[in-house]
Structures are given as structure tokens and as C-alpha cells.
C-alpha atoms as a PDB file:
ATOM      1  CA  MET A   1      -4.444 -16.341 -38.278  1.00  0.00           C
ATOM      2  CA  THR A   2      -3.392 -18.897 -34.880  1.00  0.00           C
ATOM      3  CA  GLU A   3      -1.456 -17.156 -32.087  1.00  0.00           C
ATOM      4  CA  ALA A   4       1.728 -19.504 -33.331  1.00  0.00           C
ATOM      5  CA  GLU A   5       1.317 -17.933 -36.861  1.00  0.00           C
ATOM      6  CA  GLN A   6       1.201 -14.539 -35.317  1.00  0.00           C
ATOM      7  CA  ASP A   7       4.381 -15.235 -33.278  1.00  0.00           C
ATOM      8  CA  SER A   8       5.862 -16.512 -36.324  1.00  0.00           C
ATOM      9  CA  VAL A   9       4.953 -13.225 -38.071  1.00  0.00           C
ATOM     10  CA  ARG A  10       6.202 -11.143 -35.337  1.00  0.00           C
ATOM     11  CA  ASP A  11       9.366 -12.830 -35.160  1.00  0.00           C
ATOM     12  CA  ALA A  12      10.029 -13.282 -38.801  1.00  0.00           C
ATOM     13  CA  ILE A  13      13.516 -13.594 -40.121  1.00  0.00           C
ATOM     14  CA  LEU A  14      12.225 -13.894 -43.615  1.00  0.00           C
ATOM     15  CA  HIS A  15       9.284 -12.562 -45.328  1.00  0.00           C
ATOM     16  CA  ARG A  16       8.927 -12.750 -49.292  1.00  0.00           C
ATOM     17  CA  ASN A  17       6.022 -12.580 -51.958  1.00  0.00           C
ATOM     18  CA  ILE A  18       5.409 -13.166 -55.349  1.00  0.00           C
ATOM     19  CA  THR A  19       2.196 -12.749 -57.700  1.00  0.00           C
ATOM     20  CA  LEU A  20       2.210 -15.019 -60.580  1.00  0.00           C
ATOM     21  CA  HIS A  21      -0.585 -15.140 -63.399  1.00  0.00           C
ATOM     22  CA  ASN A  22      -2.681 -18.152 -63.475  1.00  0.00           C
ATOM     23  CA  ASP A  23      -0.486 -19.641 -66.416  1.00  0.00           C
ATOM     24  CA  ILE A  24       1.136 -22.967 -65.382  1.00  0.00           C
ATOM     25  CA  GLN A  25       4.233 -21.249 -67.680  1.00  0.00           C
ATOM     26  CA  GLU A  26       4.994 -19.374 -64.810  1.00  0.00           C
ATOM     27  CA  VAL A  27       6.013 -22.363 -62.642  1.00  0.00           C
ATOM     28  CA  PRO A  28       9.874 -21.840 -63.266  1.00  0.00           C
ATOM     29  CA  LEU A  29       9.142 -18.275 -61.507  1.00  0.00           C
ATOM     30  CA  LEU A  30       7.504 -20.158 -58.558  1.00  0.00           C
ATOM     31  CA  ALA A  31      10.730 -22.647 -58.454  1.00  0.00           C
ATOM     32  CA  ALA A  32      12.939 -19.821 -58.338  1.00  0.00           C
ATOM     33  CA  PHE A  33      11.124 -18.279 -55.423  1.00  0.00           C
ATOM     34  CA  ALA A  34      10.883 -21.327 -53.243  1.00  0.00           C
ATOM     35  CA  GLU A  35      14.663 -22.029 -53.572  1.00  0.00           C
ATOM     36  CA  GLU A  36      15.324 -18.037 -52.823  1.00  0.00           C
ATOM     37  CA  VAL A  37      13.196 -18.757 -49.634  1.00  0.00           C
ATOM     38  CA  CYS A  38      15.082 -22.153 -48.898  1.00  0.00           C
ATOM     39  CA  GLU A  39      18.353 -20.713 -49.425  1.00  0.00           C
ATOM     40  CA  ALA A  40      18.201 -17.514 -47.290  1.00  0.00           C
ATOM     41  CA  LEU A  41      16.694 -20.086 -44.636  1.00  0.00           C
ATOM     42  CA  GLY A  42      19.932 -22.264 -44.979  1.00  0.00           C
ATOM     43  CA  ILE A  43      17.553 -25.174 -45.677  1.00  0.00           C
ATOM     44  CA  GLU A  44      19.336 -28.287 -47.326  1.00  0.00           C
ATOM     45  CA  THR A  45      19.084 -29.579 -50.422  1.00  0.00           C
ATOM     46  CA  VAL A  46      16.903 -32.441 -50.278  1.00  0.00           C
ATOM     47  CA  THR A  47      14.354 -30.541 -48.160  1.00  0.00           C
ATOM     48  CA  THR A  48      14.584 -27.413 -50.530  1.00  0.00           C
ATOM     49  CA  MET A  49      13.323 -29.872 -53.512  1.00  0.00           C
ATOM     50  CA  GLN A  50      10.272 -31.481 -51.325  1.00  0.00           C
ATOM     51  CA  ILE A  51       9.321 -28.167 -50.420  1.00  0.00           C
ATOM     52  CA  ASN A  52       9.518 -26.585 -53.960  1.00  0.00           C
ATOM     53  CA  LEU A  53       7.345 -29.661 -55.298  1.00  0.00           C
ATOM     54  CA  ALA A  54       4.563 -29.273 -52.290  1.00  0.00           C
ATOM     55  CA  LEU A  55       4.525 -25.636 -53.714  1.00  0.00           C
ATOM     56  CA  GLU A  56       4.262 -26.438 -57.030  1.00  0.00           C
ATOM     57  CA  GLU A  57       1.495 -29.015 -56.411  1.00  0.00           C
ATOM     58  CA  ALA A  58      -0.574 -26.568 -54.359  1.00  0.00           C
ATOM     59  CA  VAL A  59       0.111 -23.732 -57.340  1.00  0.00           C
ATOM     60  CA  VAL A  60      -0.777 -25.778 -60.129  1.00  0.00           C
ATOM     61  CA  ASN A  61      -3.904 -27.021 -58.398  1.00  0.00           C
ATOM     62  CA  VAL A  62      -5.310 -23.169 -57.759  1.00  0.00           C
ATOM     63  CA  MET A  63      -4.370 -22.249 -61.447  1.00  0.00           C
ATOM     64  CA  GLN A  64      -6.240 -25.440 -63.023  1.00  0.00           C
ATOM     65  CA  TYR A  65      -9.276 -25.269 -60.649  1.00  0.00           C
ATOM     66  CA  ALA A  66      -9.917 -21.770 -59.076  1.00  0.00           C
ATOM     67  CA  TYR A  67      -9.440 -20.371 -62.583  1.00  0.00           C
ATOM     68  CA  PRO A  68     -11.228 -23.056 -64.964  1.00  0.00           C
ATOM     69  CA  ASP A  69     -12.059 -22.216 -68.567  1.00  0.00           C
ATOM     70  CA  ASP A  70      -8.862 -19.913 -69.244  1.00  0.00           C
ATOM     71  CA  ALA A  71     -10.512 -17.337 -66.452  1.00  0.00           C
ATOM     72  CA  GLN A  72      -8.144 -14.764 -66.056  1.00  0.00           C
ATOM     73  CA  GLY A  73      -6.689 -14.044 -62.471  1.00  0.00           C
ATOM     74  CA  HIS A  74      -3.381 -14.168 -60.220  1.00  0.00           C
ATOM     75  CA  VAL A  75      -1.802 -16.337 -57.430  1.00  0.00           C
ATOM     76  CA  HIS A  76      -0.379 -14.460 -54.629  1.00  0.00           C
ATOM     77  CA  ILE A  77       2.148 -16.270 -52.695  1.00  0.00           C
ATOM     78  CA  SER A  78       3.767 -14.961 -49.714  1.00  0.00           C
ATOM     79  CA  ALA A  79       6.484 -16.843 -47.571  1.00  0.00           C
ATOM     80  CA  THR A  80       7.327 -15.993 -43.854  1.00  0.00           C
ATOM     81  CA  ALA A  81       9.650 -17.719 -41.517  1.00  0.00           C
ATOM     82  CA  ASN A  82      11.097 -17.548 -38.138  1.00  0.00           C
ATOM     83  CA  ASP A  83      13.577 -20.027 -36.504  1.00  0.00           C
ATOM     84  CA  LYS A  84      10.889 -22.723 -36.000  1.00  0.00           C
ATOM     85  CA  ARG A  85       8.629 -22.587 -39.058  1.00  0.00           C
ATOM     86  CA  LEU A  86       8.092 -21.615 -42.703  1.00  0.00           C
ATOM     87  CA  ILE A  87       4.487 -20.927 -43.552  1.00  0.00           C
ATOM     88  CA  PHE A  88       3.512 -20.693 -47.313  1.00  0.00           C
ATOM     89  CA  VAL A  89       0.033 -18.920 -47.931  1.00  0.00           C
ATOM     90  CA  ILE A  90      -1.474 -18.997 -51.165  1.00  0.00           C
ATOM     91  CA  VAL A  91      -4.197 -16.660 -52.045  1.00  0.00           C
ATOM     92  CA  ASP A  92      -6.486 -16.296 -55.430  1.00  0.00           C
ATOM     93  CA  ASP A  93      -9.906 -14.788 -55.928  1.00  0.00           C
ATOM     94  CA  GLY A  94     -11.034 -17.456 -58.570  1.00  0.00           C
ATOM     95  CA  ALA A  95     -13.748 -20.129 -57.780  1.00  0.00           C
ATOM     96  CA  PRO A  96     -14.082 -21.666 -54.494  1.00  0.00           C
ATOM     97  CA  PHE A  97     -11.582 -24.686 -54.277  1.00  0.00           C
ATOM     98  CA  ASP A  98     -10.895 -26.472 -51.227  1.00  0.00           C
ATOM     99  CA  PRO A  99      -8.071 -29.301 -52.006  1.00  0.00           C
ATOM    100  CA  THR A 100      -8.062 -30.237 -48.422  1.00  0.00           C
ATOM    101  CA  THR A 101     -11.647 -31.952 -48.998  1.00  0.00           C
ATOM    102  CA  PHE A 102      -9.718 -34.668 -50.675  1.00  0.00           C
ATOM    103  CA  GLY A 103      -9.213 -37.480 -48.597  1.00  0.00           C
ATOM    104  CA  ASP A 104      -6.315 -39.606 -48.020  1.00  0.00           C
ATOM    105  CA  VAL A 105      -5.013 -41.631 -51.326  1.00  0.00           C
ATOM    106  CA  ASP A 106      -4.535 -45.159 -50.762  1.00  0.00           C
ATOM    107  CA  THR A 107      -1.400 -45.386 -52.489  1.00  0.00           C
ATOM    108  CA  SER A 108      -1.110 -49.249 -51.841  1.00  0.00           C
ATOM    109  CA  LYS A 109      -4.096 -49.854 -54.665  1.00  0.00           C
ATOM    110  CA  PRO A 110      -3.313 -50.107 -58.392  1.00  0.00           C
ATOM    111  CA  VAL A 111      -3.760 -47.185 -60.421  1.00  0.00           C
ATOM    112  CA  GLU A 112      -6.907 -47.889 -62.115  1.00  0.00           C
ATOM    113  CA  GLU A 113      -8.440 -48.846 -58.891  1.00  0.00           C
ATOM    114  CA  ARG A 114      -7.772 -45.646 -57.414  1.00  0.00           C
ATOM    115  CA  ASN A 115     -10.209 -42.282 -57.475  1.00  0.00           C
ATOM    116  CA  ILE A 116      -9.543 -39.648 -59.604  1.00  0.00           C
ATOM    117  CA  GLY A 117      -7.952 -36.602 -58.058  1.00  0.00           C
ATOM    118  CA  GLY A 118      -6.283 -35.858 -54.634  1.00  0.00           C
ATOM    119  CA  LEU A 119      -2.937 -37.343 -55.234  1.00  0.00           C
ATOM    120  CA  GLY A 120      -1.510 -33.883 -55.364  1.00  0.00           C
ATOM    121  CA  ILE A 121      -2.905 -32.890 -52.383  1.00  0.00           C
ATOM    122  CA  HIS A 122      -1.498 -36.345 -50.515  1.00  0.00           C
ATOM    123  CA  LEU A 123       2.047 -35.126 -51.751  1.00  0.00           C
ATOM    124  CA  VAL A 124       1.568 -31.894 -50.406  1.00  0.00           C
ATOM    125  CA  ARG A 125       0.281 -33.490 -46.876  1.00  0.00           C
ATOM    126  CA  GLN A 126       3.202 -35.906 -47.043  1.00  0.00           C
ATOM    127  CA  ILE A 127       6.075 -33.167 -47.528  1.00  0.00           C
ATOM    128  CA  MET A 128       4.652 -30.089 -45.239  1.00  0.00           C
ATOM    129  CA  ASP A 129       3.509 -30.337 -41.295  1.00  0.00           C
ATOM    130  CA  SER A 130       0.021 -29.115 -41.838  1.00  0.00           C
ATOM    131  CA  VAL A 131      -2.079 -27.808 -44.875  1.00  0.00           C
ATOM    132  CA  ASP A 132      -5.485 -25.660 -44.227  1.00  0.00           C
ATOM    133  CA  TYR A 133      -7.840 -24.085 -46.060  1.00  0.00           C
ATOM    134  CA  GLU A 134     -10.108 -21.165 -45.767  1.00  0.00           C
ATOM    135  CA  ARG A 135     -12.623 -18.996 -47.868  1.00  0.00           C
ATOM    136  CA  VAL A 136     -12.354 -15.268 -46.953  1.00  0.00           C
ATOM    137  CA  GLU A 137     -14.274 -12.503 -48.396  1.00  0.00           C
ATOM    138  CA  GLY A 138     -14.139 -14.166 -51.909  1.00  0.00           C
ATOM    139  CA  GLN A 139     -10.749 -15.764 -51.693  1.00  0.00           C
ATOM    140  CA  ASN A 140      -9.201 -18.773 -51.414  1.00  0.00           C
ATOM    141  CA  ILE A 141      -6.552 -19.115 -48.879  1.00  0.00           C
ATOM    142  CA  LEU A 142      -4.468 -22.081 -48.664  1.00  0.00           C
ATOM    143  CA  THR A 143      -1.545 -22.167 -45.719  1.00  0.00           C
ATOM    144  CA  LEU A 144       1.288 -24.665 -45.965  1.00  0.00           C
ATOM    145  CA  ARG A 145       3.230 -24.924 -42.745  1.00  0.00           C
ATOM    146  CA  LYS A 146       6.768 -26.705 -42.425  1.00  0.00           C
ATOM    147  CA  ILE A 147       8.763 -27.092 -39.277  1.00  0.00           C
ATOM    148  CA  LEU A 148      12.106 -26.083 -39.660  1.00  0.00           C
ATOM    149  CA  GLY A 149      15.302 -27.951 -37.515  1.00  0.00           C
END
């Protein structure tokens, strides 16, 4: 955890968690979680919708790629915020999967000329201020940060 993130945890005005089964049928629970977090922070509706979309893209990627072939598992999402920054940490113990390895998507090309994959993480990068991945002790950890204000 960076020094700024340690400060964020120390000065936290909000800390929420949710654990989902790796089943896309649970995405409505994720949406409710994101909306609850944003409402508690007084984040405007348009930004809330964007954050919700980024979080959904990231979590559905985990569900699809970290747990292939209908493997059972969980995805743990925590939200921590201070008055400057909102941080979502997505943790799973599935197969190693680093979505940040996808390069930027050239959205100026026609769809049929683009490489398959990477559009979801591209969207997450556009909405959030930073996206980082690490693999620690058999777990995938994806951190999404949004500067508030």
C-alpha cells in the first residue's frame, strides 16, 4: 500500500465491504454496493453511474477470467474513502489474471479491425484515475482509485 493509501485508510470517512460469489447474477448486489458508497460520500449521480460501470466491468472480468470453467469462488470488494480519494480493492483467489496487461484500445478503428479484449479495462482506465494489479499470496488484487472533488 502506498503512503497516500495508508493516509487514506487512516483518515477514512468511509469503509465498506461486500463479498460476491463469482456469478454474474450477483452484479445487481455490486451495483447497490457502489450506489450506497457513492451516496454516503455525496457523489453526484453522473459520477456514481460512471464509478458503478467501472466497478462492474472490473468485477465481471474477474468472474469470467479468474474463475474459468464454472470454478467456484468469491470476489471481495472493499471501498475506502477519505475527503480526497475513493479506493476500491477487488480481491479474488482465482487463476492469475492481470487485466492491466491489455494495452490501450484504439477506438478510432472500426470494431472489426480491433484486437479482441481490452475494451473493459480501457473503459475502467477512462473512468478511474488509476488502476493497478498485483498478485500476492495466491490472490489477484486489483485497485481502482478515484480522486474526489
